[in-house]
């Protein structure tokens, strides 16, 4: 079941679609940040944020709530929103969409680097590898990932199809990464994506 309140700036959804042994725990908070000048002005319907929300709704088997935001392609504004989601909303995971290309206004990776303590380049490398199997222009994408405190931040491209491909590629490593940095234990539906944890973890 999903409970959702829609607004341009924020939508909060509580997902308890699949009961599990972890239902007694507090729901994890996952931030969804759409980076788009047009979407932030209301000129363009946000498709990236809802695509992330839909995929996570299918994927997650442990309780979670989402904190969704839309921000313009401004490096300082993006960084400020990432800080708020990590520090104030206490998201264990933030997934961004948009602003990862080579255009002048594409600055999401730079803003991510501004707020992170450590970068995880392997995420971007794998996402580009998966996307290159579909389109040759995937080499132009600069998405990356990093850690701020107990929060994992992952950049995704703006196209809904690419969002699903890229997030699906890296998701097996996400729950264990979040545990390593002190976050909650996330569980995924194995028929969609089987999370990997070393034996004994």
N, C-alpha and C. Protein backbone atom coordinates (compact mmCIF):
# COMPACT_ATOMS: atom_id res chain seq x y z
N UNK A 1 0.85 -1.19 0.00
CA UNK A 1 0.00 0.00 0.00
C UNK A 1 0.88 1.23 0.00
N UNK A 2 0.53 2.21 -0.80
CA UNK A 2 1.29 3.44 -0.89
C UNK A 2 0.39 4.59 -0.51
N UNK A 3 0.83 5.40 0.43
CA UNK A 3 0.13 6.61 0.80
C UNK A 3 0.92 7.77 0.26
N UNK A 4 0.34 8.59 -0.61
CA UNK A 4 1.11 9.61 -1.27
C UNK A 4 0.42 10.95 -1.23
N UNK A 5 1.20 12.01 -0.94
CA UNK A 5 0.73 13.38 -1.00
C UNK A 5 1.50 14.08 -2.07
N UNK A 6 0.82 14.59 -3.12
CA UNK A 6 1.50 15.17 -4.26
C UNK A 6 1.58 16.68 -4.14
N UNK A 7 2.76 17.23 -4.45
CA UNK A 7 2.95 18.67 -4.62
C UNK A 7 4.15 18.83 -5.51
N UNK A 8 4.32 20.02 -6.08
CA UNK A 8 5.45 20.24 -6.97
C UNK A 8 6.76 20.07 -6.23
N UNK A 9 6.82 20.55 -5.00
CA UNK A 9 8.08 20.55 -4.26
C UNK A 9 8.35 19.22 -3.58
N UNK A 10 7.28 18.53 -3.15
CA UNK A 10 7.53 17.34 -2.33
C UNK A 10 6.37 16.37 -2.41
N UNK A 11 6.68 15.09 -2.50
CA UNK A 11 5.67 14.04 -2.33
C UNK A 11 6.24 13.03 -1.37
N UNK A 12 5.42 12.61 -0.45
CA UNK A 12 5.88 11.65 0.54
C UNK A 12 5.02 10.41 0.41
N UNK A 13 5.67 9.28 0.22
CA UNK A 13 4.94 8.03 0.03
C UNK A 13 5.42 7.01 1.03
N UNK A 14 4.48 6.31 1.64
CA UNK A 14 4.84 5.24 2.56
C UNK A 14 4.53 3.92 1.89
N UNK A 15 5.56 3.07 1.79
CA UNK A 15 5.41 1.81 1.08
C UNK A 15 5.55 0.64 2.04
N UNK A 16 4.46 -0.12 2.14
CA UNK A 16 4.52 -1.37 2.89
C UNK A 16 3.87 -2.45 2.04
N UNK A 17 4.23 -2.46 0.76
CA UNK A 17 3.57 -3.32 -0.20
C UNK A 17 3.79 -4.79 0.08
N UNK A 18 4.96 -5.12 0.57
CA UNK A 18 5.28 -6.52 0.78
C UNK A 18 5.67 -6.72 2.23
N UNK A 19 4.91 -7.52 2.96
CA UNK A 19 5.20 -7.78 4.36
C UNK A 19 6.46 -8.65 4.44
N UNK A 20 7.28 -8.39 5.41
CA UNK A 20 8.50 -9.16 5.61
C UNK A 20 8.80 -9.25 7.10
N UNK A 21 9.87 -9.98 7.38
CA UNK A 21 10.29 -10.11 8.76
C UNK A 21 10.78 -8.79 9.34
N UNK A 22 10.96 -7.79 8.45
CA UNK A 22 11.50 -6.51 8.87
C UNK A 22 10.40 -5.47 9.07
N UNK A 23 9.14 -5.91 9.07
CA UNK A 23 8.04 -4.96 9.14
C UNK A 23 7.96 -4.23 10.46
N UNK A 24 8.61 -4.77 11.48
CA UNK A 24 8.56 -4.11 12.79
C UNK A 24 9.54 -2.95 12.88
N UNK A 25 10.47 -2.85 11.95
CA UNK A 25 11.47 -1.79 12.00
C UNK A 25 10.89 -0.48 11.47
N UNK A 26 11.55 0.61 11.81
CA UNK A 26 11.13 1.91 11.29
C UNK A 26 11.39 1.93 9.78
N UNK A 27 10.49 2.54 9.03
CA UNK A 27 10.71 2.58 7.57
C UNK A 27 11.94 3.39 7.21
N UNK A 28 12.68 2.91 6.25
CA UNK A 28 13.82 3.66 5.75
C UNK A 28 13.31 4.87 4.96
N UNK A 29 14.09 5.93 4.95
CA UNK A 29 13.72 7.13 4.20
C UNK A 29 14.61 7.22 2.97
N UNK A 30 14.00 7.28 1.80
CA UNK A 30 14.73 7.36 0.55
C UNK A 30 14.38 8.67 -0.15
N UNK A 31 15.39 9.47 -0.43
CA UNK A 31 15.18 10.73 -1.12
C UNK A 31 15.19 10.55 -2.62
N UNK A 32 14.30 11.26 -3.30
CA UNK A 32 14.23 11.25 -4.76
C UNK A 32 14.31 12.70 -5.22
N UNK A 33 15.40 13.05 -5.89
CA UNK A 33 15.63 14.44 -6.28
C UNK A 33 15.68 14.56 -7.80
N UNK A 34 14.68 15.23 -8.36
CA UNK A 34 14.65 15.52 -9.79
C UNK A 34 15.35 16.85 -10.03
N UNK A 35 16.32 16.85 -10.93
CA UNK A 35 17.06 18.06 -11.26
C UNK A 35 16.66 18.48 -12.68
N UNK A 36 15.93 19.58 -12.79
CA UNK A 36 15.44 20.03 -14.09
C UNK A 36 14.96 21.46 -14.00
N UNK A 37 15.48 22.32 -14.85
CA UNK A 37 15.01 23.70 -14.90
C UNK A 37 13.52 23.74 -15.25
N UNK A 38 13.15 23.03 -16.31
CA UNK A 38 11.76 23.09 -16.78
C UNK A 38 10.78 22.49 -15.79
N UNK A 39 11.13 21.35 -15.20
CA UNK A 39 10.23 20.72 -14.23
C UNK A 39 10.08 21.58 -12.99
N UNK A 40 11.16 22.24 -12.57
CA UNK A 40 11.09 23.08 -11.37
C UNK A 40 10.21 24.30 -11.59
N UNK A 41 10.11 24.76 -12.85
CA UNK A 41 9.24 25.90 -13.17
C UNK A 41 7.80 25.47 -13.44
N UNK A 42 7.58 24.19 -13.60
CA UNK A 42 6.25 23.70 -13.93
C UNK A 42 5.98 23.68 -15.41
N UNK A 43 7.03 23.92 -16.24
CA UNK A 43 6.87 23.92 -17.69
C UNK A 43 6.86 22.51 -18.27
N UNK A 44 7.34 21.57 -17.49
CA UNK A 44 7.57 20.22 -17.97
C UNK A 44 7.17 19.24 -16.87
N UNK A 45 6.42 18.22 -17.25
CA UNK A 45 6.01 17.21 -16.27
C UNK A 45 7.20 16.36 -15.85
N UNK A 46 7.42 16.26 -14.56
CA UNK A 46 8.50 15.43 -14.05
C UNK A 46 8.19 13.97 -14.32
N UNK A 47 9.04 13.32 -15.10
CA UNK A 47 8.88 11.90 -15.37
C UNK A 47 9.95 11.07 -14.68
N UNK A 48 11.09 11.71 -14.38
CA UNK A 48 12.18 10.97 -13.75
C UNK A 48 11.88 10.55 -12.33
N UNK A 49 11.40 11.51 -11.52
CA UNK A 49 11.08 11.20 -10.13
C UNK A 49 10.04 10.09 -10.00
N UNK A 50 8.91 10.19 -10.72
CA UNK A 50 7.92 9.11 -10.66
C UNK A 50 8.46 7.77 -11.15
N UNK A 51 9.40 7.79 -12.11
CA UNK A 51 9.98 6.53 -12.59
C UNK A 51 10.80 5.86 -11.48
N UNK A 52 11.53 6.66 -10.72
CA UNK A 52 12.29 6.11 -9.59
C UNK A 52 11.33 5.57 -8.53
N UNK A 53 10.29 6.35 -8.22
CA UNK A 53 9.29 5.94 -7.24
C UNK A 53 8.65 4.61 -7.63
N UNK A 54 8.29 4.48 -8.91
CA UNK A 54 7.63 3.26 -9.39
C UNK A 54 8.56 2.06 -9.28
N UNK A 55 9.82 2.24 -9.66
CA UNK A 55 10.77 1.12 -9.60
C UNK A 55 11.01 0.68 -8.16
N UNK A 56 11.20 1.64 -7.28
CA UNK A 56 11.45 1.30 -5.88
C UNK A 56 10.22 0.64 -5.24
N UNK A 57 9.04 1.05 -5.66
CA UNK A 57 7.81 0.44 -5.14
C UNK A 57 7.75 -1.04 -5.50
N UNK A 58 8.16 -1.38 -6.71
CA UNK A 58 8.23 -2.78 -7.12
C UNK A 58 9.34 -3.52 -6.39
N UNK A 59 10.43 -2.84 -6.19
CA UNK A 59 11.66 -3.47 -5.72
C UNK A 59 11.70 -3.75 -4.22
N UNK A 60 11.31 -2.77 -3.42
CA UNK A 60 11.54 -2.84 -1.98
C UNK A 60 10.56 -3.81 -1.31
N UNK A 61 11.10 -4.68 -0.46
CA UNK A 61 10.25 -5.58 0.32
C UNK A 61 10.26 -5.22 1.80
N UNK A 62 11.12 -4.29 2.20
CA UNK A 62 11.11 -3.77 3.57
C UNK A 62 10.46 -2.39 3.56
N UNK A 63 9.90 -1.95 4.68
CA UNK A 63 9.16 -0.68 4.72
C UNK A 63 10.05 0.52 4.40
N UNK A 64 9.50 1.47 3.67
CA UNK A 64 10.24 2.68 3.34
C UNK A 64 9.28 3.82 3.07
N UNK A 65 9.78 5.02 3.21
CA UNK A 65 9.03 6.21 2.82
C UNK A 65 9.91 7.03 1.90
N UNK A 66 9.29 7.77 1.00
CA UNK A 66 10.08 8.59 0.08
C UNK A 66 9.89 10.06 0.38
N UNK A 67 10.95 10.81 0.17
CA UNK A 67 10.91 12.27 0.25
C UNK A 67 11.34 12.79 -1.11
N UNK A 68 10.39 13.29 -1.88
CA UNK A 68 10.66 13.69 -3.27
C UNK A 68 10.77 15.20 -3.38
N UNK A 69 11.75 15.64 -4.16
CA UNK A 69 11.99 17.06 -4.38
C UNK A 69 12.25 17.31 -5.86
N UNK A 70 11.98 18.53 -6.29
CA UNK A 70 12.34 18.99 -7.63
C UNK A 70 13.14 20.28 -7.47
N UNK A 71 14.27 20.36 -8.16
CA UNK A 71 15.12 21.54 -8.05
C UNK A 71 15.66 21.89 -9.44
N UNK A 72 15.99 23.15 -9.66
CA UNK A 72 16.53 23.58 -10.94
C UNK A 72 17.98 23.15 -11.10
N UNK A 73 18.49 23.28 -12.31
CA UNK A 73 19.87 22.89 -12.61
C UNK A 73 20.85 23.95 -12.10
N UNK A 74 20.89 24.11 -10.81
CA UNK A 74 21.78 25.08 -10.19
C UNK A 74 22.64 24.32 -9.17
N UNK A 75 23.94 24.40 -9.34
CA UNK A 75 24.85 23.60 -8.51
C UNK A 75 24.64 23.83 -7.02
N UNK A 76 24.50 25.08 -6.62
CA UNK A 76 24.35 25.39 -5.20
C UNK A 76 23.00 24.93 -4.66
N UNK A 77 21.95 25.07 -5.47
CA UNK A 77 20.63 24.62 -5.03
C UNK A 77 20.56 23.10 -4.92
N UNK A 78 21.19 22.42 -5.88
CA UNK A 78 21.22 20.95 -5.82
C UNK A 78 21.95 20.49 -4.57
N UNK A 79 23.12 21.08 -4.33
CA UNK A 79 23.91 20.70 -3.16
C UNK A 79 23.14 20.98 -1.87
N UNK A 80 22.45 22.12 -1.82
CA UNK A 80 21.67 22.45 -0.61
C UNK A 80 20.56 21.44 -0.38
N UNK A 81 19.89 21.01 -1.45
CA UNK A 81 18.81 20.03 -1.31
C UNK A 81 19.35 18.67 -0.88
N UNK A 82 20.50 18.30 -1.41
CA UNK A 82 21.12 17.04 -1.01
C UNK A 82 21.48 17.06 0.48
N UNK A 83 22.00 18.18 0.94
CA UNK A 83 22.32 18.30 2.36
C UNK A 83 21.07 18.18 3.23
N UNK A 84 20.00 18.83 2.81
CA UNK A 84 18.76 18.76 3.59
C UNK A 84 18.23 17.33 3.65
N UNK A 85 18.23 16.65 2.53
CA UNK A 85 17.72 15.28 2.50
C UNK A 85 18.57 14.35 3.36
N UNK A 86 19.88 14.55 3.32
CA UNK A 86 20.78 13.69 4.09
C UNK A 86 20.78 14.04 5.57
N UNK A 87 20.90 15.32 5.88
CA UNK A 87 21.11 15.74 7.27
C UNK A 87 19.82 15.97 8.05
N UNK A 88 18.83 16.58 7.40
CA UNK A 88 17.58 16.90 8.09
C UNK A 88 16.54 15.79 7.93
N UNK A 89 16.34 15.33 6.71
CA UNK A 89 15.36 14.25 6.50
C UNK A 89 15.93 12.89 6.87
N UNK A 90 17.26 12.80 7.00
CA UNK A 90 17.95 11.56 7.39
C UNK A 90 17.68 10.41 6.43
N UNK A 91 17.77 10.72 5.16
CA UNK A 91 17.62 9.68 4.14
C UNK A 91 18.84 8.76 4.18
N UNK A 92 18.60 7.46 4.08
CA UNK A 92 19.72 6.52 3.99
C UNK A 92 20.20 6.42 2.55
N UNK A 93 19.31 6.75 1.61
CA UNK A 93 19.62 6.70 0.19
C UNK A 93 18.96 7.89 -0.49
N UNK A 94 19.72 8.57 -1.34
CA UNK A 94 19.17 9.64 -2.18
C UNK A 94 19.47 9.28 -3.62
N UNK A 95 18.45 9.27 -4.45
CA UNK A 95 18.61 8.98 -5.87
C UNK A 95 18.23 10.24 -6.66
N UNK A 96 19.17 10.75 -7.43
CA UNK A 96 18.89 11.92 -8.24
C UNK A 96 18.64 11.50 -9.68
N UNK A 97 17.92 12.33 -10.41
CA UNK A 97 17.71 12.09 -11.83
C UNK A 97 17.83 13.40 -12.58
N UNK A 98 18.63 13.38 -13.65
CA UNK A 98 18.83 14.57 -14.46
C UNK A 98 20.12 15.29 -14.16
N UNK A 99 20.57 16.07 -15.15
CA UNK A 99 21.74 16.91 -14.96
C UNK A 99 23.07 16.19 -15.00
N UNK A 100 23.13 15.01 -15.67
CA UNK A 100 24.38 14.24 -15.68
C UNK A 100 25.11 14.28 -17.02
N UNK A 101 24.59 15.04 -17.97
CA UNK A 101 25.20 15.09 -19.29
C UNK A 101 26.31 16.13 -19.40
N UNK A 102 26.75 16.44 -20.64
CA UNK A 102 27.85 17.38 -20.84
C UNK A 102 27.42 18.83 -21.07
N UNK A 103 26.11 19.11 -21.08
CA UNK A 103 25.64 20.46 -21.34
C UNK A 103 26.06 21.42 -20.22
N UNK A 104 26.04 22.71 -20.53
CA UNK A 104 26.49 23.72 -19.58
C UNK A 104 25.73 23.64 -18.26
N UNK A 105 24.41 23.40 -18.32
CA UNK A 105 23.59 23.39 -17.12
C UNK A 105 23.57 22.03 -16.41
N UNK A 106 24.28 21.04 -16.94
CA UNK A 106 24.32 19.72 -16.31
C UNK A 106 25.40 19.70 -15.23
N UNK A 107 24.99 19.87 -13.99
CA UNK A 107 25.97 20.01 -12.90
C UNK A 107 25.66 19.11 -11.70
N UNK A 108 24.80 18.12 -11.87
CA UNK A 108 24.46 17.25 -10.74
C UNK A 108 25.67 16.50 -10.19
N UNK A 109 26.55 15.94 -11.02
CA UNK A 109 27.72 15.26 -10.45
C UNK A 109 28.62 16.20 -9.65
N UNK A 110 28.76 17.45 -10.11
CA UNK A 110 29.57 18.42 -9.38
C UNK A 110 28.95 18.74 -8.02
N UNK A 111 27.63 18.94 -8.01
CA UNK A 111 26.94 19.21 -6.74
C UNK A 111 27.03 18.03 -5.80
N UNK A 112 26.97 16.83 -6.35
CA UNK A 112 27.11 15.62 -5.53
C UNK A 112 28.49 15.55 -4.90
N UNK A 113 29.51 15.84 -5.69
CA UNK A 113 30.87 15.87 -5.16
C UNK A 113 31.07 16.91 -4.08
N UNK A 114 30.32 18.02 -4.21
CA UNK A 114 30.44 19.09 -3.22
C UNK A 114 30.00 18.66 -1.82
N UNK A 115 29.06 17.73 -1.75
CA UNK A 115 28.48 17.38 -0.45
C UNK A 115 28.97 16.04 0.09
N UNK A 116 29.70 15.28 -0.71
CA UNK A 116 30.07 13.92 -0.29
C UNK A 116 31.43 13.88 0.41
N UNK A 117 31.54 12.97 1.38
CA UNK A 117 32.79 12.71 2.07
C UNK A 117 33.69 11.77 1.26
N UNK A 118 33.05 10.83 0.57
CA UNK A 118 33.76 9.86 -0.26
C UNK A 118 32.97 9.65 -1.54
N UNK A 119 33.69 9.43 -2.65
CA UNK A 119 33.04 9.13 -3.92
C UNK A 119 33.18 7.64 -4.21
N UNK A 120 32.19 7.11 -4.92
CA UNK A 120 32.16 5.69 -5.29
C UNK A 120 32.06 5.59 -6.81
N UNK A 121 33.16 5.77 -7.52
CA UNK A 121 33.12 5.81 -8.99
C UNK A 121 32.64 4.53 -9.66
N UNK A 122 32.73 3.42 -8.94
CA UNK A 122 32.29 2.16 -9.53
C UNK A 122 30.82 2.16 -9.94
N UNK A 123 30.00 2.92 -9.22
CA UNK A 123 28.59 2.99 -9.57
C UNK A 123 28.42 3.57 -10.97
N UNK A 124 29.06 4.70 -11.23
CA UNK A 124 28.95 5.33 -12.54
C UNK A 124 29.53 4.47 -13.64
N UNK A 125 30.63 3.79 -13.34
CA UNK A 125 31.26 2.93 -14.35
C UNK A 125 30.31 1.82 -14.78
N UNK A 126 29.66 1.19 -13.81
CA UNK A 126 28.74 0.10 -14.14
C UNK A 126 27.51 0.62 -14.89
N UNK A 127 26.97 1.76 -14.45
CA UNK A 127 25.79 2.30 -15.13
C UNK A 127 26.09 2.65 -16.58
N UNK A 128 27.26 3.24 -16.84
CA UNK A 128 27.62 3.56 -18.22
C UNK A 128 27.81 2.29 -19.05
N UNK A 129 28.38 1.26 -18.45
CA UNK A 129 28.56 -0.01 -19.16
C UNK A 129 27.22 -0.59 -19.60
N UNK A 130 26.26 -0.57 -18.68
CA UNK A 130 24.93 -1.10 -19.00
C UNK A 130 24.25 -0.25 -20.08
N UNK A 131 24.36 1.06 -19.96
CA UNK A 131 23.71 1.95 -20.93
C UNK A 131 24.36 1.87 -22.30
N UNK A 132 25.68 1.62 -22.35
CA UNK A 132 26.38 1.51 -23.63
C UNK A 132 25.89 0.33 -24.46
N UNK A 133 25.30 -0.65 -23.79
CA UNK A 133 24.73 -1.78 -24.52
C UNK A 133 23.48 -1.37 -25.28
N UNK A 134 22.92 -0.20 -24.93
CA UNK A 134 21.69 0.28 -25.56
C UNK A 134 21.95 1.41 -26.55
N UNK A 135 22.75 2.40 -26.11
CA UNK A 135 22.99 3.57 -26.96
C UNK A 135 24.46 4.00 -26.85
N UNK A 136 25.08 4.39 -27.99
CA UNK A 136 26.50 4.79 -27.95
C UNK A 136 26.72 6.10 -27.23
N UNK A 137 25.70 6.93 -27.10
CA UNK A 137 25.86 8.22 -26.43
C UNK A 137 25.93 8.08 -24.91
N UNK A 138 25.84 6.87 -24.39
CA UNK A 138 25.95 6.66 -22.94
C UNK A 138 27.31 7.11 -22.41
N UNK A 139 28.33 7.17 -23.27
CA UNK A 139 29.64 7.62 -22.82
C UNK A 139 29.63 9.10 -22.44
N UNK A 140 28.57 9.82 -22.82
CA UNK A 140 28.46 11.23 -22.47
C UNK A 140 27.90 11.43 -21.07
N UNK A 141 27.36 10.38 -20.48
CA UNK A 141 26.74 10.50 -19.16
C UNK A 141 27.81 10.47 -18.07
N UNK A 142 27.65 11.34 -17.09
CA UNK A 142 28.68 11.53 -16.06
C UNK A 142 28.18 11.14 -14.66
N UNK A 143 27.12 10.34 -14.59
CA UNK A 143 26.57 10.02 -13.28
C UNK A 143 27.59 9.32 -12.40
N UNK A 144 27.45 9.55 -11.11
CA UNK A 144 28.39 9.00 -10.14
C UNK A 144 27.63 8.67 -8.86
N UNK A 145 28.36 8.37 -7.81
CA UNK A 145 27.75 8.11 -6.50
C UNK A 145 28.74 8.49 -5.42
N UNK A 146 28.21 8.74 -4.24
CA UNK A 146 29.09 9.11 -3.13
C UNK A 146 28.39 8.95 -1.80
N UNK A 147 29.13 9.16 -0.73
CA UNK A 147 28.63 8.98 0.63
C UNK A 147 28.72 10.29 1.38
N UNK A 148 27.63 10.66 2.02
CA UNK A 148 27.63 11.78 2.96
C UNK A 148 27.15 11.24 4.30
N UNK A 149 28.05 11.13 5.27
CA UNK A 149 27.66 10.57 6.55
C UNK A 149 27.13 9.16 6.41
N UNK A 150 25.86 8.97 6.78
CA UNK A 150 25.21 7.66 6.68
C UNK A 150 24.29 7.58 5.46
N UNK A 151 24.53 8.45 4.47
CA UNK A 151 23.67 8.52 3.29
C UNK A 151 24.44 8.16 2.03
N UNK A 152 23.87 7.28 1.23
CA UNK A 152 24.41 6.97 -0.09
C UNK A 152 23.65 7.80 -1.12
N UNK A 153 24.38 8.51 -1.96
CA UNK A 153 23.78 9.35 -3.01
C UNK A 153 24.16 8.76 -4.37
N UNK A 154 23.16 8.53 -5.20
CA UNK A 154 23.38 7.95 -6.53
C UNK A 154 22.78 8.87 -7.59
N UNK A 155 23.57 9.25 -8.58
CA UNK A 155 23.07 10.03 -9.72
C UNK A 155 22.57 9.10 -10.81
N UNK A 156 21.41 9.39 -11.35
CA UNK A 156 20.87 8.66 -12.49
C UNK A 156 20.60 9.63 -13.63
N UNK A 157 20.56 9.14 -14.87
CA UNK A 157 20.17 10.01 -15.99
C UNK A 157 18.70 10.40 -15.89
N UNK A 158 18.25 11.24 -16.79
CA UNK A 158 16.89 11.77 -16.71
C UNK A 158 15.83 10.95 -17.43
N UNK A 159 16.23 10.10 -18.37
CA UNK A 159 15.25 9.32 -19.12
C UNK A 159 14.70 8.16 -18.29
N UNK A 160 13.37 8.02 -18.20
CA UNK A 160 12.79 6.93 -17.38
C UNK A 160 13.33 5.54 -17.72
N UNK A 161 13.51 5.25 -19.00
CA UNK A 161 14.01 3.92 -19.37
C UNK A 161 15.42 3.71 -18.85
N UNK A 162 16.26 4.74 -18.98
CA UNK A 162 17.63 4.64 -18.50
C UNK A 162 17.68 4.57 -16.98
N UNK A 163 16.73 5.22 -16.32
CA UNK A 163 16.67 5.17 -14.85
C UNK A 163 16.51 3.73 -14.39
N UNK A 164 15.60 3.02 -14.99
CA UNK A 164 15.34 1.64 -14.58
C UNK A 164 16.56 0.75 -14.86
N UNK A 165 17.16 0.94 -16.02
CA UNK A 165 18.32 0.14 -16.38
C UNK A 165 19.48 0.38 -15.42
N UNK A 166 19.75 1.65 -15.17
CA UNK A 166 20.92 2.01 -14.35
C UNK A 166 20.72 1.64 -12.89
N UNK A 167 19.56 1.96 -12.34
CA UNK A 167 19.32 1.64 -10.94
C UNK A 167 19.27 0.14 -10.73
N UNK A 168 18.70 -0.57 -11.70
CA UNK A 168 18.66 -2.03 -11.60
C UNK A 168 20.05 -2.65 -11.62
N UNK A 169 20.98 -2.01 -12.34
CA UNK A 169 22.34 -2.54 -12.44
C UNK A 169 23.10 -2.43 -11.12
N UNK A 170 22.94 -1.30 -10.43
CA UNK A 170 23.73 -1.07 -9.21
C UNK A 170 23.02 -1.50 -7.94
N UNK A 171 21.73 -1.74 -8.02
CA UNK A 171 20.95 -2.00 -6.81
C UNK A 171 21.41 -3.22 -6.01
N UNK A 172 21.95 -4.27 -6.62
CA UNK A 172 22.39 -5.41 -5.81
C UNK A 172 23.41 -5.02 -4.74
N UNK A 173 24.19 -3.97 -4.97
CA UNK A 173 25.21 -3.57 -4.01
C UNK A 173 24.73 -2.50 -3.04
N UNK A 174 23.57 -1.90 -3.29
CA UNK A 174 23.12 -0.75 -2.50
C UNK A 174 22.81 -1.10 -1.05
N UNK A 175 22.01 -2.13 -0.75
CA UNK A 175 21.68 -2.41 0.65
C UNK A 175 22.91 -2.67 1.53
N UNK A 176 23.87 -3.43 1.01
CA UNK A 176 25.06 -3.72 1.81
C UNK A 176 25.89 -2.46 2.02
N UNK A 177 25.98 -1.62 0.98
CA UNK A 177 26.71 -0.36 1.11
C UNK A 177 26.10 0.50 2.22
N UNK A 178 24.78 0.58 2.24
CA UNK A 178 24.10 1.40 3.26
C UNK A 178 24.36 0.84 4.65
N UNK A 179 24.39 -0.47 4.78
CA UNK A 179 24.71 -1.07 6.09
C UNK A 179 26.14 -0.73 6.51
N UNK A 180 27.07 -0.75 5.57
CA UNK A 180 28.46 -0.48 5.88
C UNK A 180 28.68 0.93 6.41
N UNK A 181 27.85 1.87 5.99
CA UNK A 181 28.02 3.25 6.44
C UNK A 181 27.11 3.59 7.62
N UNK A 182 26.46 2.57 8.19
CA UNK A 182 25.67 2.77 9.40
C UNK A 182 24.20 2.98 9.19
N UNK A 183 23.72 2.69 7.99
CA UNK A 183 22.31 2.87 7.69
C UNK A 183 21.48 1.63 8.01
N UNK A 184 20.18 1.68 7.72
CA UNK A 184 19.28 0.56 8.03
C UNK A 184 19.47 -0.61 7.05
N UNK A 185 18.94 -1.74 7.43
CA UNK A 185 18.99 -2.91 6.57
C UNK A 185 17.81 -2.85 5.60
N UNK A 186 18.11 -2.80 4.32
CA UNK A 186 17.08 -2.78 3.28
C UNK A 186 16.97 -4.16 2.66
N UNK A 187 15.75 -4.54 2.33
CA UNK A 187 15.52 -5.82 1.67
C UNK A 187 14.81 -5.57 0.34
N UNK A 188 15.18 -6.36 -0.66
CA UNK A 188 14.58 -6.22 -1.98
C UNK A 188 13.88 -7.50 -2.39
N UNK A 189 12.94 -7.39 -3.32
CA UNK A 189 12.23 -8.55 -3.84
C UNK A 189 13.18 -9.32 -4.76
N UNK A 190 13.54 -10.55 -4.42
CA UNK A 190 14.56 -11.27 -5.20
C UNK A 190 14.15 -11.53 -6.65
N UNK A 191 12.85 -11.59 -6.92
CA UNK A 191 12.43 -11.82 -8.31
C UNK A 191 12.70 -10.61 -9.19
N UNK A 192 12.94 -9.45 -8.58
CA UNK A 192 13.24 -8.24 -9.33
C UNK A 192 14.74 -7.92 -9.27
N UNK A 193 15.28 -7.98 -8.08
CA UNK A 193 16.72 -7.71 -7.90
C UNK A 193 17.18 -8.37 -6.61
N UNK A 194 18.11 -9.26 -6.70
CA UNK A 194 18.61 -9.96 -5.51
C UNK A 194 19.79 -9.19 -4.94
N UNK A 195 19.63 -8.67 -3.73
CA UNK A 195 20.71 -7.94 -3.08
C UNK A 195 21.84 -8.90 -2.71
N UNK A 196 23.06 -8.39 -2.81
CA UNK A 196 24.22 -9.21 -2.47
C UNK A 196 24.80 -8.76 -1.14
N UNK A 197 25.02 -9.72 -0.29
CA UNK A 197 25.76 -9.50 0.96
C UNK A 197 26.75 -10.64 1.11
N UNK A 198 27.98 -10.34 1.54
CA UNK A 198 28.95 -11.42 1.74
C UNK A 198 28.44 -12.43 2.76
N UNK A 199 28.87 -13.65 2.69
CA UNK A 199 28.44 -14.65 3.67
C UNK A 199 28.70 -14.17 5.10
N UNK A 200 27.68 -14.29 5.92
CA UNK A 200 27.81 -13.88 7.30
C UNK A 200 27.46 -12.42 7.57
N UNK A 201 27.23 -11.67 6.51
CA UNK A 201 26.92 -10.24 6.69
C UNK A 201 25.47 -10.05 7.11
